[in-house]
C-alpha atoms as a PDB file:
ATOM      1  CA  MET A   1      49.020  87.106 133.858  1.00  0.00           C
ATOM      2  CA  ILE A   2      51.768  85.159 132.267  1.00  0.00           C
ATOM      3  CA  LYS A   3      51.759  84.852 127.657  1.00  0.00           C
ATOM      4  CA  ARG A   4      52.090  81.313 126.817  1.00  0.00           C
ATOM      5  CA  ALA A   5      54.730  80.520 124.084  1.00  0.00           C
ATOM      6  CA  PRO A   6      52.425  79.425 120.960  1.00  0.00           C
ATOM      7  CA  SER A   7      53.258  75.849 120.340  1.00  0.00           C
ATOM      8  CA  SER A   8      54.779  76.006 116.743  1.00  0.00           C
ATOM      9  CA  VAL A   9      57.828  77.976 119.362  1.00  0.00           C
ATOM     10  CA  LYS A  10      57.346  75.579 122.278  1.00  0.00           C
ATOM     11  CA  ARG A  11      57.432  72.598 119.287  1.00  0.00           C
ATOM     12  CA  PHE A  12      60.515  74.273 117.946  1.00  0.00           C
ATOM     13  CA  LEU A  13      62.662  74.541 121.842  1.00  0.00           C
ATOM     14  CA  ASN A  14      61.518  71.594 122.806  1.00  0.00           C
ATOM     15  CA  PRO A  15      63.623  70.560 125.390  1.00  0.00           C
ATOM     16  CA  GLN A  16      63.200  66.731 124.797  1.00  0.00           C
ATOM     17  CA  GLY A  17      66.365  65.483 122.223  1.00  0.00           C
ATOM     18  CA  LEU A  18      67.989  67.256 119.858  1.00  0.00           C
ATOM     19  CA  ASN A  19      65.870  68.614 116.832  1.00  0.00           C
ATOM     20  CA  PRO A  20      67.393  68.796 113.566  1.00  0.00           C
ATOM     21  CA  LYS A  21      65.814  72.251 112.340  1.00  0.00           C
ATOM     22  CA  LYS A  22      66.700  73.546 115.765  1.00  0.00           C
ATOM     23  CA  VAL A  23      70.261  72.293 115.162  1.00  0.00           C
ATOM     24  CA  GLY A  24      70.529  73.534 111.438  1.00  0.00           C
ATOM     25  CA  ALA A  25      68.623  77.093 112.472  1.00  0.00           C
ATOM     26  CA  LEU A  26      70.845  77.737 114.971  1.00  0.00           C
ATOM     27  CA  PHE A  27      74.174  76.490 112.780  1.00  0.00           C
ATOM     28  CA  LEU A  28      72.427  78.901 109.974  1.00  0.00           C
ATOM     29  CA  LEU A  29      72.638  81.489 112.583  1.00  0.00           C
ATOM     30  CA  ALA A  30      75.768  81.118 113.709  1.00  0.00           C
ATOM     31  CA  LEU A  31      77.281  81.162 110.190  1.00  0.00           C
ATOM     32  CA  VAL A  32      75.358  84.614 109.038  1.00  0.00           C
ATOM     33  CA  ALA A  33      76.282  85.705 112.737  1.00  0.00           C
ATOM     34  CA  SER A  34      79.735  85.807 112.099  1.00  0.00           C
ATOM     35  CA  SER A  35      80.597  87.333 109.276  1.00  0.00           C
ATOM     36  CA  PHE A  36      79.283  89.825 111.457  1.00  0.00           C
ATOM     37  CA  VAL A  37      81.639  89.529 113.775  1.00  0.00           C
ATOM     38  CA  CYS A  38      84.024  88.977 111.484  1.00  0.00           C
ATOM     39  CA  ASP A  39      83.927  92.450 110.011  1.00  0.00           C
ATOM     40  CA  LEU A  40      83.632  94.072 113.663  1.00  0.00           C
ATOM     41  CA  THR A  41      86.565  91.410 114.808  1.00  0.00           C
ATOM     42  CA  GLU A  42      89.388  91.354 112.195  1.00  0.00           C
ATOM     43  CA  GLY A  43      91.714  94.136 112.235  1.00  0.00           C
ATOM     44  CA  VAL A  44      92.094  93.003 116.434  1.00  0.00           C
ATOM     45  CA  ALA A  45      92.952  88.689 114.655  1.00  0.00           C
ATOM     46  CA  LYS A  46      94.962  90.436 112.733  1.00  0.00           C
ATOM     47  CA  GLU A  47      97.097  92.519 115.199  1.00  0.00           C
ATOM     48  CA  ILE A  48      97.250  88.628 117.218  1.00  0.00           C
ATOM     49  CA  LYS A  49      98.436  86.783 114.491  1.00  0.00           C
ATOM     50  CA  GLU A  50     101.477  89.009 114.219  1.00  0.00           C
ATOM     51  CA  LEU A  51     102.496  88.746 117.383  1.00  0.00           C
ATOM     52  CA  TYR A  52     101.649  85.014 117.774  1.00  0.00           C
ATOM     53  CA  TRP A  53     101.591  83.167 114.694  1.00  0.00           C
ATOM     54  CA  PRO A  54     104.420  84.999 112.367  1.00  0.00           C
ATOM     55  CA  SER A  55     104.552  83.115 108.735  1.00  0.00           C
ATOM     56  CA  GLN A  56     107.154  83.719 106.331  1.00  0.00           C
ATOM     57  CA  GLU A  57     106.436  80.446 104.397  1.00  0.00           C
ATOM     58  CA  LYS A  58     103.116  79.140 102.618  1.00  0.00           C
ATOM     59  CA  ASN A  59     103.503  76.069 103.875  1.00  0.00           C
ATOM     60  CA  ASP A  60     103.475  74.606 108.610  1.00  0.00           C
ATOM     61  CA  ALA A  61     107.244  75.670 109.111  1.00  0.00           C
ATOM     62  CA  THR A  62     108.517  75.478 112.782  1.00  0.00           C
ATOM     63  CA  TYR A  63     111.290  78.395 113.116  1.00  0.00           C
ATOM     64  CA  VAL A  64     114.269  77.836 115.164  1.00  0.00           C
ATOM     65  CA  ILE A  65     116.659  80.432 116.487  1.00  0.00           C
ATOM     66  CA  ASP A  66     120.323  79.066 116.889  1.00  0.00           C
ATOM     67  CA  ASP A  67     122.472  80.274 119.872  1.00  0.00           C
ATOM     68  CA  THR A  68     123.850  83.048 117.825  1.00  0.00           C
ATOM     69  CA  GLY A  69     120.519  84.676 116.894  1.00  0.00           C
ATOM     70  CA  VAL A  70     120.201  83.246 113.293  1.00  0.00           C
ATOM     71  CA  PRO A  71     116.977  81.121 112.100  1.00  0.00           C
ATOM     72  CA  LEU A  72     116.924  78.122 111.606  1.00  0.00           C
ATOM     73  CA  VAL A  73     113.352  76.313 109.636  1.00  0.00           C
ATOM     74  CA  ASP A  74     112.050  72.794 109.898  1.00  0.00           C
ATOM     75  CA  TYR A  75     109.912  72.418 106.955  1.00  0.00           C
ATOM     76  CA  GLY A  76     108.880  68.159 107.535  1.00  0.00           C
ATOM     77  CA  TYR A  77     107.677  67.216 104.317  1.00  0.00           C
ATOM     78  CA  ILE A  78     106.587  69.397 102.211  1.00  0.00           C
ATOM     79  CA  ASP A  79     104.443  67.491  99.371  1.00  0.00           C
ATOM     80  CA  GLY A  80     105.653  64.368 100.252  1.00  0.00           C
ATOM     81  CA  VAL A  81     109.393  64.785  99.802  1.00  0.00           C
ATOM     82  CA  HIS A  82     111.107  65.361 103.488  1.00  0.00           C
ATOM     83  CA  ILE A  83     112.461  69.453 103.545  1.00  0.00           C
ATOM     84  CA  GLY A  84     114.155  68.291 106.651  1.00  0.00           C
ATOM     85  CA  VAL A  85     116.143  71.491 109.239  1.00  0.00           C
ATOM     86  CA  GLN A  86     117.617  74.148 106.599  1.00  0.00           C
ATOM     87  CA  ARG A  87     118.639  77.800 106.408  1.00  0.00           C
ATOM     88  CA  ASN A  88     116.676  79.808 104.536  1.00  0.00           C
ATOM     89  CA  PRO A  89     118.097  82.780 103.144  1.00  0.00           C
ATOM     90  CA  VAL A  90     115.273  85.229 103.242  1.00  0.00           C
ATOM     91  CA  THR A  91     114.322  83.970 106.649  1.00  0.00           C
ATOM     92  CA  VAL A  92     117.623  85.060 107.976  1.00  0.00           C
ATOM     93  CA  GLU A  93     117.301  89.133 106.392  1.00  0.00           C
ATOM     94  CA  MET A  94     113.350  89.009 107.379  1.00  0.00           C
ATOM     95  CA  LYS A  95     115.221  88.132 111.563  1.00  0.00           C
ATOM     96  CA  ALA A  96     118.406  90.160 111.265  1.00  0.00           C
ATOM     97  CA  LEU A  97     115.577  93.450 109.556  1.00  0.00           C
ATOM     98  CA  LEU A  98     113.762  92.928 113.346  1.00  0.00           C
ATOM     99  CA  TYR A  99     116.599  92.639 115.139  1.00  0.00           C
ATOM    100  CA  TYR A 100     117.969  95.384 113.907  1.00  0.00           C
ATOM    101  CA  GLU A 101     114.357  97.641 113.802  1.00  0.00           C
ATOM    102  CA  ALA A 102     114.847  96.254 117.779  1.00  0.00           C
ATOM    103  CA  TYR A 103     118.688  98.333 117.823  1.00  0.00           C
ATOM    104  CA  GLU A 104     117.410 101.497 116.652  1.00  0.00           C
ATOM    105  CA  GLN A 105     114.334 100.916 119.271  1.00  0.00           C
ATOM    106  CA  GLY A 106     117.242 100.678 121.887  1.00  0.00           C
ATOM    107  CA  CYS A 107     117.587  97.218 122.661  1.00  0.00           C
ATOM    108  CA  GLU A 108     121.035  97.857 122.901  1.00  0.00           C
ATOM    109  CA  GLU A 109     121.545  93.081 122.835  1.00  0.00           C
ATOM    110  CA  ASP A 110     120.081  92.523 119.403  1.00  0.00           C
ATOM    111  CA  ARG A 111     123.121  94.585 117.749  1.00  0.00           C
ATOM    112  CA  GLN A 112     124.475  91.897 117.801  1.00  0.00           C
ATOM    113  CA  LEU A 113     122.267  89.268 117.206  1.00  0.00           C
ATOM    114  CA  PHE A 114     121.911  91.670 113.859  1.00  0.00           C
ATOM    115  CA  LEU A 115     125.692  91.526 112.502  1.00  0.00           C
ATOM    116  CA  ASN A 116     125.005  87.497 113.319  1.00  0.00           C
ATOM    117  CA  CYS A 117     122.000  88.051 111.010  1.00  0.00           C
ATOM    118  CA  ALA A 118     124.414  89.372 108.459  1.00  0.00           C
ATOM    119  CA  ASP A 119     128.240  87.759 108.961  1.00  0.00           C
ATOM    120  CA  TRP A 120     125.562  84.637 108.358  1.00  0.00           C
ATOM    121  CA  LEU A 121     125.461  85.888 104.779  1.00  0.00           C
ATOM    122  CA  VAL A 122     128.912  86.822 104.163  1.00  0.00           C
ATOM    123  CA  ASN A 123     130.425  83.543 105.145  1.00  0.00           C
ATOM    124  CA  ASN A 124     127.873  81.826 102.757  1.00  0.00           C
ATOM    125  CA  SER A 125     127.925  83.550  99.759  1.00  0.00           C
ATOM    126  CA  LYS A 126     129.064  81.120  97.421  1.00  0.00           C
ATOM    127  CA  GLU A 127     130.459  83.029  94.393  1.00  0.00           C
ATOM    128  CA  TYR A 128     129.394  83.133  90.500  1.00  0.00           C
ATOM    129  CA  LYS A 129     130.798  85.102  88.070  1.00  0.00           C
ATOM    130  CA  GLY A 130     132.366  87.191  90.778  1.00  0.00           C
ATOM    131  CA  CYS A 131     128.921  87.882  92.017  1.00  0.00           C
ATOM    132  CA  ALA A 132     127.890  86.951  95.742  1.00  0.00           C
ATOM    133  CA  VAL A 133     125.054  84.492  95.737  1.00  0.00           C
ATOM    134  CA  PHE A 134     122.613  83.630  98.719  1.00  0.00           C
ATOM    135  CA  GLU A 135     121.374  79.748  97.531  1.00  0.00           C
ATOM    136  CA  TYR A 136     119.055  77.430  98.651  1.00  0.00           C
ATOM    137  CA  GLU A 137     120.202  74.154  99.457  1.00  0.00           C
ATOM    138  CA  PHE A 138     116.762  72.133  98.832  1.00  0.00           C
ATOM    139  CA  PRO A 139     114.170  71.223  96.771  1.00  0.00           C
ATOM    140  CA  TRP A 140     111.029  73.307  96.809  1.00  0.00           C
ATOM    141  CA  SER A 141     108.007  71.768  94.851  1.00  0.00           C
ATOM    142  CA  TYR A 142     106.962  75.635  94.014  1.00  0.00           C
ATOM    143  CA  GLY A 143     107.939  76.286  90.956  1.00  0.00           C
ATOM    144  CA  GLY A 144     110.006  73.265  90.566  1.00  0.00           C
ATOM    145  CA  MET A 145     112.744  74.200  92.175  1.00  0.00           C
ATOM    146  CA  THR A 146     116.302  71.981  92.149  1.00  0.00           C
ATOM    147  CA  PRO A 147     119.212  72.840  94.799  1.00  0.00           C
ATOM    148  CA  PRO A 148     121.045  74.728  94.740  1.00  0.00           C
ATOM    149  CA  TRP A 149     118.306  77.656  93.311  1.00  0.00           C
ATOM    150  CA  ARG A 150     118.546  81.392  93.476  1.00  0.00           C
ATOM    151  CA  SER A 151     116.260  84.476  94.816  1.00  0.00           C
ATOM    152  CA  GLY A 152     116.297  87.494  93.238  1.00  0.00           C
ATOM    153  CA  MET A 153     114.111  88.544  96.859  1.00  0.00           C
ATOM    154  CA  ALA A 154     117.191  86.892  98.604  1.00  0.00           C
ATOM    155  CA  GLN A 155     119.715  88.808  96.780  1.00  0.00           C
ATOM    156  CA  GLY A 156     117.371  92.398  97.418  1.00  0.00           C
ATOM    157  CA  MET A 157     117.275  91.883 100.738  1.00  0.00           C
ATOM    158  CA  ALA A 158     120.762  90.639 101.376  1.00  0.00           C
ATOM    159  CA  LEU A 159     121.978  94.373 100.298  1.00  0.00           C
ATOM    160  CA  GLN A 160     119.157  95.889 103.096  1.00  0.00           C
ATOM    161  CA  VAL A 161     120.631  94.222 105.505  1.00  0.00           C
ATOM    162  CA  LEU A 162     124.762  94.606 104.647  1.00  0.00           C
ATOM    163  CA  ILE A 163     124.057  98.108 104.082  1.00  0.00           C
ATOM    164  CA  ARG A 164     123.051  98.305 106.961  1.00  0.00           C
ATOM    165  CA  ALA A 165     125.763  96.316 108.658  1.00  0.00           C
ATOM    166  CA  HIS A 166     128.146  98.844 106.972  1.00  0.00           C
ATOM    167  CA  ASP A 167     127.109 102.031 107.639  1.00  0.00           C
ATOM    168  CA  LEU A 168     126.841 100.451 111.868  1.00  0.00           C
ATOM    169  CA  THR A 169     129.974  98.853 111.564  1.00  0.00           C
ATOM    170  CA  ARG A 170     132.119 100.913 108.994  1.00  0.00           C
ATOM    171  CA  ASP A 171     133.546  96.954 108.252  1.00  0.00           C
ATOM    172  CA  GLU A 172     133.988  97.113 104.319  1.00  0.00           C
ATOM    173  CA  LYS A 173     134.103  93.324 103.994  1.00  0.00           C
ATOM    174  CA  TYR A 174     129.936  94.086 104.236  1.00  0.00           C
ATOM    175  CA  LEU A 175     129.936  96.357 101.223  1.00  0.00           C
ATOM    176  CA  MET A 176     131.531  93.958  98.878  1.00  0.00           C
ATOM    177  CA  CYS A 177     129.673  91.124  99.313  1.00  0.00           C
ATOM    178  CA  ALA A 178     126.944  94.496  99.124  1.00  0.00           C
ATOM    179  CA  GLU A 179     128.340  94.638  95.368  1.00  0.00           C
ATOM    180  CA  LYS A 180     128.507  91.540  94.662  1.00  0.00           C
ATOM    181  CA  SER A 181     125.165  90.311  95.653  1.00  0.00           C
ATOM    182  CA  LEU A 182     124.065  93.431  93.505  1.00  0.00           C
ATOM    183  CA  ALA A 183     125.776  91.656  90.259  1.00  0.00           C
ATOM    184  CA  LEU A 184     123.580  88.663  90.207  1.00  0.00           C
ATOM    185  CA  PHE A 185     120.918  91.216  88.549  1.00  0.00           C
ATOM    186  CA  PHE A 186     122.549  91.571  85.965  1.00  0.00           C
ATOM    187  CA  ILE A 187     122.780  87.567  84.821  1.00  0.00           C
ATOM    188  CA  ASP A 188     119.723  86.022  83.179  1.00  0.00           C
ATOM    189  CA  VAL A 189     118.100  82.523  85.192  1.00  0.00           C
ATOM    190  CA  GLU A 190     118.974  80.658  82.466  1.00  0.00           C
ATOM    191  CA  ASP A 191     122.307  81.802  83.419  1.00  0.00           C
ATOM    192  CA  GLY A 192     122.754  81.110  86.665  1.00  0.00           C
ATOM    193  CA  GLY A 193     120.888  84.604  87.369  1.00  0.00           C
ATOM    194  CA  VAL A 194     117.683  85.283  88.785  1.00  0.00           C
ATOM    195  CA  THR A 195     116.218  88.062  86.253  1.00  0.00           C
ATOM    196  CA  ARG A 196     114.333  87.479  83.085  1.00  0.00           C
ATOM    197  CA  LYS A 197     114.656  90.661  80.627  1.00  0.00           C
ATOM    198  CA  HIS A 198     111.980  92.017  78.013  1.00  0.00           C
ATOM    199  CA  GLU A 199     113.728  94.448  76.401  1.00  0.00           C
ATOM    200  CA  SER A 200     110.676  97.381  76.686  1.00  0.00           C
ATOM    201  CA  ASN A 201     109.728  96.123  78.996  1.00  0.00           C
ATOM    202  CA  GLY A 202     112.012  96.286  82.082  1.00  0.00           C
ATOM    203  CA  TRP A 203     113.443  93.395  83.861  1.00  0.00           C
ATOM    204  CA  TRP A 204     111.405  91.210  86.076  1.00  0.00           C
ATOM    205  CA  TYR A 205     113.771  90.096  89.200  1.00  0.00           C
ATOM    206  CA  GLU A 206     111.871  86.118  89.918  1.00  0.00           C
ATOM    207  CA  GLU A 207     111.908  84.401  93.650  1.00  0.00           C
ATOM    208  CA  TYR A 208     112.219  81.793  92.562  1.00  0.00           C
ATOM    209  CA  ALA A 209     115.217  81.536  89.645  1.00  0.00           C
ATOM    210  CA  ASP A 210     116.791  77.920  88.787  1.00  0.00           C
ATOM    211  CA  GLU A 211     117.857  76.988  84.900  1.00  0.00           C
ATOM    212  CA  GLY A 212     114.543  75.905  83.223  1.00  0.00           C
ATOM    213  CA  SER A 213     112.229  76.700  85.533  1.00  0.00           C
ATOM    214  CA  MET A 214     108.576  78.179  84.785  1.00  0.00           C
ATOM    215  CA  GLN A 215     108.449  81.229  85.199  1.00  0.00           C
ATOM    216  CA  THR A 216     106.228  82.469  87.884  1.00  0.00           C
ATOM    217  CA  LYS A 217     107.171  86.047  88.728  1.00  0.00           C
ATOM    218  CA  VAL A 218     105.783  86.032  92.261  1.00  0.00           C
ATOM    219  CA  LEU A 219     104.835  89.513  92.377  1.00  0.00           C
ATOM    220  CA  ASN A 220     105.542  89.920  96.533  1.00  0.00           C
ATOM    221  CA  GLY A 221     109.739  88.167  95.510  1.00  0.00           C
ATOM    222  CA  MET A 222     109.898  91.482  92.475  1.00  0.00           C
ATOM    223  CA  MET A 223     108.325  93.773  95.219  1.00  0.00           C
ATOM    224  CA  PHE A 224     110.743  93.331  97.640  1.00  0.00           C
ATOM    225  CA  ALA A 225     114.292  92.907  95.678  1.00  0.00           C
ATOM    226  CA  VAL A 226     113.515  96.107  93.884  1.00  0.00           C
ATOM    227  CA  VAL A 227     112.805  97.869  97.817  1.00  0.00           C
ATOM    228  CA  GLY A 228     116.433  96.008  98.467  1.00  0.00           C
ATOM    229  CA  ILE A 229     118.153  97.565  95.320  1.00  0.00           C
ATOM    230  CA  TYR A 230     116.574 101.082  96.266  1.00  0.00           C
ATOM    231  CA  GLU A 231     118.371 100.786  99.122  1.00  0.00           C
ATOM    232  CA  TYR A 232     121.431  99.643  97.944  1.00  0.00           C
ATOM    233  CA  SER A 233     120.997 102.963  95.060  1.00  0.00           C
ATOM    234  CA  ARG A 234     120.398 105.426  98.121  1.00  0.00           C
ATOM    235  CA  TYR A 235     123.026 104.023 100.427  1.00  0.00           C
ATOM    236  CA  THR A 236     125.660 104.383  97.465  1.00  0.00           C
ATOM    237  CA  GLY A 237     124.709 106.651  94.833  1.00  0.00           C
ATOM    238  CA  ASP A 238     126.037 103.474  92.475  1.00  0.00           C
ATOM    239  CA  GLU A 239     124.422 104.330  88.558  1.00  0.00           C
ATOM    240  CA  ASP A 240     124.143 100.231  88.090  1.00  0.00           C
ATOM    241  CA  ALA A 241     121.906  99.788  91.395  1.00  0.00           C
ATOM    242  CA  GLN A 242     120.026 102.884  89.655  1.00  0.00           C
ATOM    243  CA  TYR A 243     119.538 101.102  86.145  1.00  0.00           C
ATOM    244  CA  LEU A 244     118.302  98.261  88.283  1.00  0.00           C
ATOM    245  CA  LEU A 245     116.120 100.300  89.790  1.00  0.00           C
ATOM    246  CA  ASP A 246     115.013 101.457  86.348  1.00  0.00           C
ATOM    247  CA  GLU A 247     114.381  98.397  84.473  1.00  0.00           C
ATOM    248  CA  GLY A 248     112.407  96.760  87.841  1.00  0.00           C
ATOM    249  CA  ILE A 249     110.193  99.577  87.904  1.00  0.00           C
ATOM    250  CA  LYS A 250     109.458  99.538  84.559  1.00  0.00           C
ATOM    251  CA  ALA A 251     108.758  95.818  84.905  1.00  0.00           C
ATOM    252  CA  LEU A 252     106.207  96.629  87.579  1.00  0.00           C
ATOM    253  CA  LYS A 253     104.425  99.138  85.981  1.00  0.00           C
ATOM    254  CA  ASN A 254     103.835  97.162  83.118  1.00  0.00           C
ATOM    255  CA  GLU A 255     102.871  93.590  84.501  1.00  0.00           C
ATOM    256  CA  LEU A 256     100.669  95.471  87.158  1.00  0.00           C
ATOM    257  CA  PRO A 257      98.281  94.915  85.551  1.00  0.00           C
ATOM    258  CA  TYR A 258      97.725  90.954  84.873  1.00  0.00           C
ATOM    259  CA  TYR A 259      98.321  90.444  89.187  1.00  0.00           C
ATOM    260  CA  ASP A 260      94.434  92.173  89.656  1.00  0.00           C
ATOM    261  CA  ASN A 261      91.967  90.070  90.489  1.00  0.00           C
ATOM    262  CA  LYS A 262      89.251  92.472  90.693  1.00  0.00           C
ATOM    263  CA  ARG A 263      88.406  90.888  94.723  1.00  0.00           C
ATOM    264  CA  TYR A 264      92.273  90.158  95.206  1.00  0.00           C
ATOM    265  CA  SER A 265      95.831  89.946  93.742  1.00  0.00           C
ATOM    266  CA  SER A 266      97.122  87.281  92.569  1.00  0.00           C
ATOM    267  CA  TYR A 267     100.342  85.856  94.048  1.00  0.00           C
ATOM    268  CA  ASP A 268     102.189  84.925  91.007  1.00  0.00           C
ATOM    269  CA  ILE A 269     101.625  85.858  86.841  1.00  0.00           C
ATOM    270  CA  LEU A 270     100.022  82.026  87.229  1.00  0.00           C
ATOM    271  CA  GLY A 271      97.090  83.642  88.796  1.00  0.00           C
ATOM    272  CA  ASN A 272      97.083  81.638  91.844  1.00  0.00           C
ATOM    273  CA  HIS A 273      95.533  83.662  95.138  1.00  0.00           C
ATOM    274  CA  SER A 274      98.474  85.834  97.325  1.00  0.00           C
ATOM    275  CA  GLY A 275      96.380  84.649 100.262  1.00  0.00           C
ATOM    276  CA  GLN A 276      98.072  86.422 103.307  1.00  0.00           C
ATOM    277  CA  TYR A 277     100.360  88.279 100.865  1.00  0.00           C
ATOM    278  CA  HIS A 278      97.812  90.774  99.603  1.00  0.00           C
ATOM    279  CA  GLU A 279      98.339  92.458 102.454  1.00  0.00           C
ATOM    280  CA  VAL A 280     101.921  92.726 102.175  1.00  0.00           C
ATOM    281  CA  HIS A 281     101.701  93.597  98.275  1.00  0.00           C
ATOM    282  CA  ILE A 282      99.456  96.710  99.866  1.00  0.00           C
ATOM    283  CA  GLN A 283     101.827  97.558 102.210  1.00  0.00           C
ATOM    284  CA  LEU A 284     104.876  96.951  99.124  1.00  0.00           C
ATOM    285  CA  LEU A 285     103.392  98.833  96.830  1.00  0.00           C
ATOM    286  CA  GLU A 286     102.747 101.981  99.648  1.00  0.00           C
ATOM    287  CA  ARG A 287     106.402 102.262  99.260  1.00  0.00           C
ATOM    288  CA  LEU A 288     106.781 101.948  95.716  1.00  0.00           C
ATOM    289  CA  HIS A 289     104.870 104.853  95.946  1.00  0.00           C
ATOM    290  CA  THR A 290     106.719 106.530  98.214  1.00  0.00           C
ATOM    291  CA  ILE A 291     109.919 105.576  96.313  1.00  0.00           C
ATOM    292  CA  THR A 292     108.894 106.644  92.536  1.00  0.00           C
ATOM    293  CA  GLY A 293     106.094 108.983  93.643  1.00  0.00           C
ATOM    294  CA  GLU A 294     104.749 106.853  89.976  1.00  0.00           C
ATOM    295  CA  GLY A 295     100.695 106.879  90.266  1.00  0.00           C
ATOM    296  CA  ILE A 296     100.418 103.329  89.180  1.00  0.00           C
ATOM    297  CA  PHE A 297     101.615 102.240  92.398  1.00  0.00           C
ATOM    298  CA  LYS A 298      98.855 104.507  94.280  1.00  0.00           C
ATOM    299  CA  GLN A 299      96.464 103.364  92.274  1.00  0.00           C
ATOM    300  CA  TYR A 300      97.026  99.986  92.836  1.00  0.00           C
ATOM    301  CA  HIS A 301      97.335 100.128  96.631  1.00  0.00           C
ATOM    302  CA  GLU A 302      94.220 101.848  96.989  1.00  0.00           C
ATOM    303  CA  ARG A 303      92.373  99.802  94.762  1.00  0.00           C
ATOM    304  CA  TRP A 304      93.795  96.148  97.171  1.00  0.00           C
ATOM    305  CA  GLU A 305      93.139  97.952  99.217  1.00  0.00           C
ATOM    306  CA  SER A 306      89.380  98.150  99.155  1.00  0.00           C
ATOM    307  CA  TYR A 307      89.321  94.384  98.591  1.00  0.00           C
ATOM    308  CA  GLU A 308      90.064  93.958 101.949  1.00  0.00           C
ATOM    309  CA  LYS A 309      87.549  96.302 103.395  1.00  0.00           C
ATOM    310  CA  SER A 310      84.881  94.088 100.866  1.00  0.00           C
ATOM    311  CA  PRO A 311      82.510  92.169 103.459  1.00  0.00           C
ATOM    312  CA  TYR A 312      84.634  89.713 105.059  1.00  0.00           C
ATOM    313  CA  ALA A 313      81.829  86.598 103.606  1.00  0.00           C
ATOM    314  CA  ILE A 314      83.220  88.426 100.290  1.00  0.00           C
ATOM    315  CA  GLN A 315      86.461  87.908 101.060  1.00  0.00           C
ATOM    316  CA  LEU A 316      86.223  84.451 102.644  1.00  0.00           C
ATOM    317  CA  ILE A 317      85.027  83.131  99.263  1.00  0.00           C
ATOM    318  CA  LEU A 318      87.511  84.994  96.983  1.00  0.00           C
ATOM    319  CA  ASN A 319      90.315  85.219  99.183  1.00  0.00           C
ATOM    320  CA  PRO A 320      90.317  81.858 101.591  1.00  0.00           C
ATOM    321  CA  THR A 321      93.503  82.170 103.380  1.00  0.00           C
ATOM    322  CA  LYS A 322      94.512  80.100 106.068  1.00  0.00           C
ATOM    323  CA  MET A 323      93.964  82.813 108.403  1.00  0.00           C
ATOM    324  CA  ARG A 324      90.946  83.815 107.386  1.00  0.00           C
ATOM    325  CA  VAL A 325      89.257  80.554 107.862  1.00  0.00           C
ATOM    326  CA  LEU A 326      90.583  79.567 110.965  1.00  0.00           C
ATOM    327  CA  PHE A 327      89.105  82.911 112.171  1.00  0.00           C
ATOM    328  CA  TYR A 328      85.879  82.594 110.455  1.00  0.00           C
ATOM    329  CA  ALA A 329      85.289  78.827 112.089  1.00  0.00           C
ATOM    330  CA  GLY A 330      86.134  79.883 115.002  1.00  0.00           C
ATOM    331  CA  ASN A 331      83.707  82.905 115.395  1.00  0.00           C
ATOM    332  CA  THR A 332      80.733  80.466 114.163  1.00  0.00           C
ATOM    333  CA  PHE A 333      81.573  77.692 116.450  1.00  0.00           C
ATOM    334  CA  VAL A 334      81.970  80.336 119.782  1.00  0.00           C
ATOM    335  CA  LEU A 335      78.455  81.430 118.157  1.00  0.00           C
ATOM    336  CA  LEU A 336      76.747  78.758 118.205  1.00  0.00           C
ATOM    337  CA  ILE A 337      77.208  77.645 121.604  1.00  0.00           C
ATOM    338  CA  LEU A 338      76.760  80.794 123.065  1.00  0.00           C
ATOM    339  CA  PHE A 339      73.397  80.674 120.653  1.00  0.00           C
ATOM    340  CA  TRP A 340      72.611  76.913 122.133  1.00  0.00           C
ATOM    341  CA  THR A 341      73.395  78.030 125.533  1.00  0.00           C
ATOM    342  CA  ILE A 342      70.820  81.127 124.795  1.00  0.00           C
ATOM    343  CA  LEU A 343      68.702  78.600 123.952  1.00  0.00           C
ATOM    344  CA  TYR A 344      68.518  75.837 126.618  1.00  0.00           C
ATOM    345  CA  VAL A 345      68.145  78.878 129.082  1.00  0.00           C
ATOM    346  CA  ILE A 346      64.830  79.804 126.987  1.00  0.00           C
ATOM    347  CA  GLU A 347      63.426  76.206 126.924  1.00  0.00           C
ATOM    348  CA  ARG A 348      64.560  75.603 130.515  1.00  0.00           C
ATOM    349  CA  LEU A 349      62.366  78.850 131.933  1.00  0.00           C
ATOM    350  CA  LEU A 350      59.574  77.889 129.437  1.00  0.00           C
ATOM    351  CA  SER A 351      59.072  74.288 130.607  1.00  0.00           C
ATOM    352  CA  LYS A 352      58.723  75.864 134.385  1.00  0.00           C
END
C-alpha cells in the first residue's frame, strides 16, 4: 500500500501553475546550497579562470597580440573616456615573462617572442634625467593620471625582463636599459619619478605616479617593484639596487598593517577592496618572505591566506570579486534548475 502525501505537501507541490511560496523556497534553497557547492569547487574554478580568463586590469579590456608577439590592450571606454588600443608596459612585461617561462620549459619559439618584448621595452623607453622611463601615453581615471605618466611597477618589472634578456643574449643594450630604468626609483614623484620618500619609514614606489597625483600606494604594484629591484640587485650586485631594495622593504614593513581589514587585504592605502588582487598579495608576500626572511611577510601571508579559507558566503560579502560573484550566481542558477527539475518529477509522480 502506497502512503499518500499529506495535503499540505500536496498543496506545496501542486503542479498547477507557479506557486510563489514554491518559487521562493526553491530559490532560497539554491542560494544556501550554492554557498556549500562554491566552497567545494572554488579551487577548480580558480584554475579554469587562470586558463581561460586571464586579466591584469580591473576592467573589461581586450588583449591582442601583434605579429611580433608583443601585446596591445583595447580598453574601449573607461569611465566614459575613450582610451582605445594602447600599449601597456606592464602588460608587455608580464607577457614577456610568460614567454620566458615557456622557453625555459622547452618551447624554443618563445625565445624570440620574449626578446621581441624586451626589444620593445628598450626601443620605447623615454629618456628623462638620464633615466629610461616606460611611460603610459593614455589617461587613467584611477588616481587622476594624465599622460604621460609613470609606474614603479612598470619600472620594476622591466628590470626582470631586461636582465633575463641580457643573460640570454649577453647584449649590453639590455643591461644598460635596466640600469637606467633603476635610476628612476631615486627620483620623487613630484619631480617626474615614481618614489615617495618617507625618511625613517622607507621609500614607497608608486604604481600610479604623476606630478600632483594623490598618494594611492597600490600594494601589489609596490611589491612587484621591490621584487624587480631584488632580482636586478642579485643579478648585478649593484649597491644602488641594494639600497633601493632596503628602503622598499622598510616601507612595506611599516605600511603592511594599514592594508589589513581583518577579512581581506586592501588594494591601496585608500582602503579599496583588493578583489582579485588579494590572491596576488598572498603570492607576493610569500616571495618577499623567501627573499628577505622577514617574519612580518610570513605573518601577513598566513593571515591573508586564512581569509581565503573563510566560508564562501563570507568571502562573497566582504570581498565580492567579479569572478566570485559570477561563480556564485552561476552555481545558484544551475542548482535552481536542478531543484526545479527534481520537484517537477516528484509532482508528476504524486499526480498519478
